[in-house]
Amino acid sequence: MLRNRIFYTFKPLIPRSLQIFIRRKIAARKREKYASVWPIDPASSKAPAGWQGWPDGKKFAVVLSHDVDNQKGHDRVHRLAKIELERGFRSSINFVPERYKVSPSLLEELRSKGFQLCVHGLNHDGKLFFSKKIFNQRAVRINDYLTKWHAEGFTSPSMLHNKDWLHDLKINHSISTFDTDPFEPQPDGSRTIFPYWVQNGSKQKGYVELPYTLPQDHLLYVILQEKNINIWKLKLDWIAEHGGMALLNTHSDYMGFDPGVIGREEYPVDYYADLLDYIQNNYKDQYWHALPRDLARFWQTHRKSASDVRRRASGDRRQVPGDRRQVSDDRRQAIEDRRQAPGNRRQVSGDRRQDQKRQ
């Protein structure tokens, strides 16, 4: 989008306080305009074809992810991890490899305690998707870090994305989209609270996209200036009711860990701790808590199982000699993946689609 290219080109010249002021003004108008699809888009509750439910009959899934945008956030990660460890949770911690110094000892400590590591862009300058040439150049280094960190996943800075280009990364999952978020710079929501497979044209290759489904913390507490976790609870309850995936992506950079000392772009970390307590207290034994990599592996298995069900259901017809409707299994799966994948050509993008919904 042209406006994103202009913004990220001149962003270093714009004072941070002015950026936040402008974003708050724009967000206030958007919040009213898109009230029918944010924080909940009713259309996103539809389960995918062949859906057989979460492991062990759980009602819904809970996935925790944290993008670490700068050095301050990096240096706070151990405090964030302690909050989750005390409550029996684990998460994916996503580092920007060439924006600040990433401590090898911190990475090893997180791995040893059961956390997952992911790569969060390369330098978080908003230019990764400016052109295929830029992306290809940076993809080489991103893949190096994926290998070096034993990482399987990628999260896109500012949720800017090109899902086709991401096939050039050595990943099995990505967090680069969302079910609904008209406040993002690239607001083309996937309109689903379930993971989905992104096919790359090959018979077998692709990756699992895990859209975040709970609003991000910076939006809620810095831009919209919310003072409680009511929106998080509202959306979580709705996702649980519809059996979806509650994926929350937050930032240690914006969490205030010292009571009474909350910075201009911070919110009390107690909000996050309270949400974890809410999940445990209200949904004990009802949710499957998974790391992104584990959920992606499960989804790949589900995809194969759903394909097997469809294959058996249509077996007699496909065995008829000379049937023009006969399609190979791999071809059939590829067609189904493209049909179901959010963002196909039949979808109307971003704001235009949401405007049409209201008219």
Protein backbone atom coordinates (compact mmCIF):
# COMPACT_ATOMS: atom_id res chain seq x y z
CA MET A 1 0.00 0.00 0.00
CA LEU A 2 1.34 3.38 -1.01
CA ARG A 3 0.53 5.11 2.26
CA ASN A 4 2.50 2.48 4.19
CA ARG A 5 5.52 2.97 1.95
CA ILE A 6 5.35 6.72 2.51
CA PHE A 7 4.87 6.37 6.27
CA TYR A 8 7.71 3.90 6.86
CA THR A 9 10.04 5.91 4.63
CA PHE A 10 9.56 9.06 6.69
CA LYS A 11 8.78 7.44 10.06
CA PRO A 12 12.30 8.01 11.48
CA LEU A 13 11.79 11.76 11.00
CA ILE A 14 8.45 11.93 12.85
CA PRO A 15 8.63 12.40 16.65
CA ARG A 16 7.26 9.37 18.46
CA SER A 17 4.82 11.49 20.49
CA LEU A 18 3.35 12.90 17.28
CA GLN A 19 3.00 9.41 15.80
CA ILE A 20 1.03 8.24 18.82
CA PHE A 21 -1.15 11.38 18.82
CA ILE A 22 -2.09 10.91 15.17
CA ARG A 23 -2.72 7.20 15.57
CA ARG A 24 -5.05 7.83 18.51
CA LYS A 25 -7.10 10.30 16.49
CA ILE A 26 -7.38 7.89 13.56
CA ALA A 27 -8.17 4.94 15.84
CA ALA A 28 -11.00 6.81 17.57
CA ARG A 29 -12.75 7.28 14.22
CA LYS A 30 -12.10 3.71 13.12
CA ARG A 31 -13.41 2.27 16.38
CA GLU A 32 -16.81 3.81 15.72
CA LYS A 33 -16.75 3.04 12.00
CA TYR A 34 -15.94 -0.66 12.42
CA ALA A 35 -17.89 -1.42 15.59
CA SER A 36 -19.78 -4.20 13.77
CA VAL A 37 -16.60 -6.20 13.07
CA TRP A 38 -14.23 -5.27 15.90
CA PRO A 39 -13.32 -6.67 18.36
CA ILE A 40 -15.63 -9.44 17.15
CA ASP A 41 -16.38 -10.25 13.54
CA PRO A 42 -19.29 -12.72 13.64
CA ALA A 43 -18.31 -14.14 10.25
CA SER A 44 -14.98 -15.40 11.61
CA SER A 45 -16.56 -18.09 13.80
CA LYS A 46 -17.17 -20.56 10.96
CA ALA A 47 -15.18 -23.76 11.46
CA PRO A 48 -13.13 -25.08 8.51
CA ALA A 49 -14.34 -27.97 6.39
CA GLY A 50 -13.77 -31.36 7.99
CA TRP A 51 -13.14 -29.86 11.43
CA GLN A 52 -13.05 -32.61 14.09
CA GLY A 53 -12.12 -30.59 17.15
CA TRP A 54 -9.09 -29.89 19.33
CA PRO A 55 -6.93 -32.59 20.99
CA ASP A 56 -8.44 -34.48 23.92
CA GLY A 57 -11.86 -32.99 23.22
CA LYS A 58 -10.87 -29.55 24.51
CA LYS A 59 -13.34 -26.73 23.95
CA PHE A 60 -10.87 -24.26 22.43
CA ALA A 61 -7.16 -23.54 22.08
CA VAL A 62 -4.97 -20.95 23.83
CA VAL A 63 -1.72 -19.75 22.22
CA LEU A 64 0.56 -17.08 23.69
CA SER A 65 3.09 -15.11 21.66
CA HIS A 66 5.29 -12.08 22.39
CA ASP A 67 6.99 -9.83 19.85
CA VAL A 68 10.10 -8.20 21.31
CA ASP A 69 10.47 -4.95 19.38
CA ASN A 70 13.49 -3.31 20.99
CA GLN A 71 16.27 -3.68 23.54
CA LYS A 72 14.08 -2.64 26.44
CA GLY A 73 11.65 -5.43 25.66
CA HIS A 74 14.52 -7.89 25.28
CA ASP A 75 15.84 -7.04 28.73
CA ARG A 76 12.39 -7.59 30.27
CA VAL A 77 11.72 -11.01 28.77
CA HIS A 78 12.91 -12.94 31.81
CA ARG A 79 10.38 -11.08 33.98
CA LEU A 80 7.59 -11.87 31.54
CA ALA A 81 8.62 -15.52 31.41
CA LYS A 82 8.50 -15.70 35.21
CA ILE A 83 4.84 -14.60 35.21
CA GLU A 84 3.95 -17.41 32.81
CA LEU A 85 6.04 -20.04 34.55
CA GLU A 86 4.33 -19.31 37.86
CA ARG A 87 0.97 -20.07 36.23
CA GLY A 88 2.02 -23.06 34.17
CA PHE A 89 1.99 -21.30 30.81
CA ARG A 90 4.58 -21.21 28.05
CA SER A 91 4.77 -18.94 25.02
CA SER A 92 6.65 -18.09 21.86
CA ILE A 93 9.18 -15.28 22.28
CA ASN A 94 9.87 -13.54 18.97
CA PHE A 95 13.10 -11.56 18.59
CA VAL A 96 14.22 -9.05 15.94
CA PRO A 97 17.71 -10.36 15.08
CA GLU A 98 19.32 -7.20 13.65
CA ARG A 99 17.69 -4.37 15.61
CA TYR A 100 19.28 -4.94 19.01
CA LYS A 101 21.68 -7.31 20.71
CA VAL A 102 20.03 -10.69 21.26
CA SER A 103 21.60 -12.57 24.14
CA PRO A 104 22.54 -16.19 23.29
CA SER A 105 22.32 -17.08 26.98
CA LEU A 106 18.75 -15.72 27.14
CA LEU A 107 17.77 -17.80 24.14
CA GLU A 108 19.23 -20.92 25.72
CA GLU A 109 17.53 -20.20 29.05
CA LEU A 110 14.15 -19.79 27.36
CA ARG A 111 14.57 -23.00 25.39
CA SER A 112 15.55 -24.93 28.52
CA LYS A 113 12.36 -23.78 30.26
CA GLY A 114 10.06 -24.88 27.48
CA PHE A 115 9.53 -21.62 25.62
CA GLN A 116 9.59 -21.38 21.83
CA LEU A 117 11.78 -18.99 19.85
CA CYS A 118 10.67 -17.30 16.63
CA VAL A 119 12.13 -14.70 14.28
CA HIS A 120 10.29 -11.36 14.23
CA GLY A 121 11.29 -9.82 10.89
CA LEU A 122 14.90 -8.78 10.43
CA ASN A 123 15.26 -5.18 11.62
CA HIS A 124 11.64 -4.02 12.06
CA ASP A 125 11.85 -0.99 9.78
CA GLY A 126 8.59 -1.57 7.91
CA LYS A 127 10.38 -2.16 4.59
CA LEU A 128 10.55 -5.95 4.46
CA PHE A 129 7.70 -6.15 1.93
CA PHE A 130 8.50 -3.01 -0.06
CA SER A 131 9.58 -5.17 -3.01
CA LYS A 132 10.32 -8.78 -3.84
CA LYS A 133 13.98 -7.84 -4.32
CA ILE A 134 14.23 -6.43 -0.79
CA PHE A 135 12.38 -9.41 0.64
CA ASN A 136 14.60 -11.92 -1.16
CA GLN A 137 17.74 -10.20 0.11
CA ARG A 138 16.52 -10.20 3.68
CA ALA A 139 15.03 -13.69 3.49
CA VAL A 140 18.54 -15.12 3.19
CA ARG A 141 19.51 -13.61 6.55
CA ILE A 142 16.15 -14.43 8.16
CA ASN A 143 16.63 -18.07 7.17
CA ASP A 144 20.11 -17.99 8.71
CA TYR A 145 18.63 -16.88 12.02
CA LEU A 146 15.85 -19.45 11.81
CA THR A 147 18.51 -22.13 11.51
CA LYS A 148 20.82 -20.63 14.14
CA TRP A 149 18.03 -20.29 16.71
CA HIS A 150 16.42 -23.65 15.86
CA ALA A 151 13.25 -21.68 15.15
CA GLU A 152 10.29 -22.94 13.16
CA GLY A 153 8.15 -19.81 13.01
CA PHE A 154 8.09 -16.23 11.80
CA THR A 155 6.06 -13.23 12.98
CA SER A 156 5.71 -10.19 10.74
CA PRO A 157 6.58 -6.76 12.18
CA SER A 158 3.49 -4.51 12.29
CA MET A 159 1.63 -7.45 10.73
CA LEU A 160 2.68 -6.30 7.26
CA HIS A 161 2.65 -9.36 5.07
CA ASN A 162 2.71 -11.06 1.71
CA LYS A 163 1.73 -14.64 2.35
CA ASP A 164 3.03 -15.86 -1.01
CA TRP A 165 6.50 -14.45 -0.39
CA LEU A 166 6.71 -16.13 3.01
CA HIS A 167 7.13 -19.46 1.24
CA ASP A 168 10.75 -18.44 0.75
CA LEU A 169 11.30 -18.74 4.50
CA LYS A 170 12.19 -22.04 6.17
CA ILE A 171 9.15 -22.08 8.44
CA ASN A 172 6.25 -24.34 9.28
CA HIS A 173 4.10 -21.53 10.68
CA SER A 174 3.65 -17.77 10.63
CA ILE A 175 1.84 -15.19 12.75
CA SER A 176 1.38 -12.45 10.18
CA THR A 177 -2.37 -11.89 10.03
CA PHE A 178 -5.42 -11.59 12.29
CA ASP A 179 -9.10 -12.41 12.25
CA THR A 180 -10.17 -8.76 12.39
CA ASP A 181 -8.18 -5.61 13.11
CA PRO A 182 -9.09 -2.49 11.10
CA PHE A 183 -6.44 -0.54 13.04
CA GLU A 184 -3.49 -2.34 11.45
CA PRO A 185 -1.56 -0.63 8.61
CA GLN A 186 -2.50 -3.57 6.36
CA PRO A 187 -6.04 -4.27 7.58
CA ASP A 188 -7.01 -7.22 5.35
CA GLY A 189 -8.22 -9.55 8.08
CA SER A 190 -8.39 -13.30 7.49
CA ARG A 191 -11.88 -13.43 9.04
CA THR A 192 -11.32 -16.72 10.88
CA ILE A 193 -10.54 -17.69 14.46
CA PHE A 194 -8.95 -20.91 13.23
CA PRO A 195 -5.50 -21.61 11.75
CA TYR A 196 -5.30 -22.21 8.02
CA TRP A 197 -2.93 -23.72 5.50
CA VAL A 198 -1.16 -21.49 2.96
CA GLN A 199 -0.34 -23.51 -0.15
CA ASN A 200 2.59 -22.48 -2.34
CA GLY A 201 1.58 -24.22 -5.56
CA SER A 202 3.58 -27.35 -4.84
CA LYS A 203 1.78 -30.55 -3.99
CA GLN A 204 2.99 -30.76 -0.40
CA LYS A 205 4.79 -27.56 0.56
CA GLY A 206 3.28 -24.68 2.47
CA TYR A 207 2.94 -23.41 6.01
CA VAL A 208 0.29 -22.90 8.67
CA GLU A 209 -0.88 -19.35 9.26
CA LEU A 210 -1.88 -18.61 12.86
CA PRO A 211 -3.88 -15.37 12.90
CA TYR A 212 -3.92 -13.54 16.20
CA THR A 213 -7.48 -13.39 17.48
CA LEU A 214 -7.25 -11.29 20.65
CA PRO A 215 -6.48 -7.57 20.16
CA GLN A 216 -2.82 -6.67 20.59
CA ASP A 217 -1.76 -4.90 23.76
CA HIS A 218 -0.27 -1.79 22.14
CA LEU A 219 -3.55 -1.09 20.39
CA LEU A 220 -5.70 -1.59 23.48
CA TYR A 221 -3.61 0.17 26.09
CA VAL A 222 -1.44 2.69 24.26
CA ILE A 223 -3.58 3.73 21.29
CA LEU A 224 -7.12 3.18 22.61
CA GLN A 225 -6.05 3.80 26.23
CA GLU A 226 -8.22 1.08 27.77
CA LYS A 227 -7.99 0.77 31.54
CA ASN A 228 -9.00 -2.86 32.08
CA ILE A 229 -9.01 -6.26 30.38
CA ASN A 230 -12.74 -6.31 29.55
CA ILE A 231 -12.18 -6.45 25.78
CA TRP A 232 -9.74 -9.33 26.15
CA LYS A 233 -12.26 -11.22 28.31
CA LEU A 234 -15.15 -10.46 25.95
CA LYS A 235 -13.27 -11.77 22.93
CA LEU A 236 -11.86 -14.78 24.78
CA ASP A 237 -15.33 -15.82 25.94
CA TRP A 238 -16.65 -15.50 22.39
CA ILE A 239 -13.82 -17.59 20.95
CA ALA A 240 -14.34 -20.25 23.62
CA GLU A 241 -18.05 -20.34 22.82
CA HIS A 242 -17.31 -20.97 19.15
CA GLY A 243 -14.46 -23.43 19.73
CA GLY A 244 -11.76 -21.39 18.04
CA MET A 245 -8.14 -20.47 18.72
CA ALA A 246 -7.47 -17.67 21.23
CA LEU A 247 -4.08 -16.40 20.09
CA LEU A 248 -2.73 -13.39 21.96
CA ASN A 249 0.33 -11.53 20.69
CA THR A 250 1.74 -9.02 23.18
CA HIS A 251 4.96 -7.06 23.70
CA SER A 252 7.25 -6.96 26.73
CA ASP A 253 8.34 -3.51 25.47
CA TYR A 254 5.01 -2.00 26.51
CA MET A 255 4.48 -3.83 29.79
CA GLY A 256 5.18 -1.85 32.94
CA PHE A 257 6.73 -4.23 35.46
CA ASP A 258 7.32 -1.72 38.26
CA PRO A 259 4.16 -0.65 40.13
CA GLY A 260 3.67 3.10 40.10
CA VAL A 261 6.23 3.59 37.32
CA ILE A 262 4.29 3.26 34.06
CA GLY A 263 5.81 4.92 31.02
CA ARG A 264 4.02 6.85 28.30
CA GLU A 265 3.81 3.77 26.07
CA GLU A 266 3.27 1.20 28.79
CA TYR A 267 0.47 -0.53 30.65
CA PRO A 268 0.54 -2.48 33.93
CA VAL A 269 1.83 -6.01 33.39
CA ASP A 270 -0.86 -7.02 35.89
CA TYR A 271 -3.34 -6.79 33.01
CA TYR A 272 -1.59 -9.66 31.28
CA ALA A 273 -1.27 -11.66 34.51
CA ASP A 274 -4.96 -11.08 35.22
CA LEU A 275 -5.90 -12.47 31.80
CA LEU A 276 -3.89 -15.64 32.44
CA ASP A 277 -5.64 -15.99 35.79
CA TYR A 278 -9.01 -15.43 34.11
CA ILE A 279 -8.32 -18.23 31.64
CA GLN A 280 -7.30 -20.64 34.38
CA ASN A 281 -10.10 -19.76 36.77
CA ASN A 282 -12.95 -19.71 34.25
CA TYR A 283 -11.90 -22.42 31.81
CA LYS A 284 -10.05 -24.99 33.88
CA ASP A 285 -9.54 -28.22 31.90
CA GLN A 286 -11.50 -26.78 28.94
CA TYR A 287 -8.69 -25.42 26.76
CA TRP A 288 -5.71 -26.83 24.95
CA HIS A 289 -2.68 -24.67 25.73
CA ALA A 290 -0.18 -25.06 22.91
CA LEU A 291 2.94 -23.42 21.59
CA PRO A 292 2.60 -22.11 18.03
CA ARG A 293 4.82 -24.87 16.63
CA ASP A 294 2.73 -27.59 18.30
CA LEU A 295 -0.52 -26.11 17.08
CA ALA A 296 0.91 -25.87 13.56
CA ARG A 297 1.91 -29.54 13.63
CA PHE A 298 -1.54 -30.47 14.87
CA TRP A 299 -3.12 -28.45 12.08
CA GLN A 300 -1.05 -30.22 9.46
CA THR A 301 -2.32 -33.53 10.85
CA HIS A 302 -5.90 -32.23 10.89
CA ARG A 303 -5.51 -31.11 7.28
CA LYS A 304 -4.46 -34.61 6.23
CA SER A 305 -7.26 -36.22 8.26
CA ALA A 306 -9.86 -33.90 6.73
CA SER A 307 -8.52 -34.77 3.28
CA ASP A 308 -8.80 -38.49 4.08
CA VAL A 309 -12.42 -38.04 5.16
CA ARG A 310 -13.27 -36.24 1.93
CA ARG A 311 -11.41 -38.88 -0.06
CA ARG A 312 -13.36 -41.72 1.53
CA ALA A 313 -16.65 -39.88 1.14
CA SER A 314 -16.09 -39.41 -2.58
CA GLY A 315 -14.29 -42.72 -3.15
CA ASP A 316 -16.94 -44.48 -5.18
CA ARG A 317 -17.34 -41.58 -7.58
CA ARG A 318 -13.59 -41.18 -8.12
CA GLN A 319 -13.22 -44.89 -8.92
CA VAL A 320 -15.53 -44.70 -11.92
CA PRO A 321 -13.30 -45.24 -15.01
CA GLY A 322 -13.13 -42.24 -17.29
CA ASP A 323 -15.05 -39.96 -14.91
CA ARG A 324 -14.23 -36.44 -16.02
CA ARG A 325 -14.74 -35.22 -12.47
CA GLN A 326 -11.84 -37.32 -11.24
CA VAL A 327 -9.03 -35.23 -9.75
CA SER A 328 -5.85 -36.51 -8.12
CA ASP A 329 -5.75 -36.40 -4.33
CA ASP A 330 -2.94 -33.87 -4.24
CA ARG A 331 -4.66 -31.64 -6.77
CA ARG A 332 -7.94 -31.90 -4.88
CA GLN A 333 -6.24 -30.88 -1.61
CA ALA A 334 -4.48 -27.94 -3.26
CA ILE A 335 -7.77 -26.70 -4.70
CA GLU A 336 -9.48 -27.03 -1.32
CA ASP A 337 -6.66 -25.19 0.46
CA ARG A 338 -6.80 -22.29 -1.96
CA ARG A 339 -10.59 -22.15 -1.76
CA GLN A 340 -10.64 -22.01 2.04
CA ALA A 341 -7.58 -19.82 2.56
CA PRO A 342 -8.57 -16.33 3.74
CA GLY A 343 -7.43 -13.69 1.32
CA ASN A 344 -8.19 -15.50 -1.92
CA ARG A 345 -9.24 -13.44 -4.89
CA ARG A 346 -12.92 -13.77 -4.14
CA GLN A 347 -12.48 -11.89 -0.90
CA VAL A 348 -12.81 -8.14 -0.81
CA SER A 349 -9.80 -6.61 0.92
CA GLY A 350 -9.67 -4.71 4.18
CA ASP A 351 -11.71 -1.59 4.59
CA ARG A 352 -13.71 -2.04 1.38
CA ARG A 353 -15.05 -5.41 2.50
CA GLN A 354 -16.00 -4.12 5.92
CA ASP A 355 -17.73 -1.08 4.41
CA GLN A 356 -19.77 -3.35 2.15
CA LYS A 357 -20.80 -5.44 5.15
CA ARG A 358 -22.40 -2.43 6.78
CA GLN A 359 -24.22 -1.11 3.68
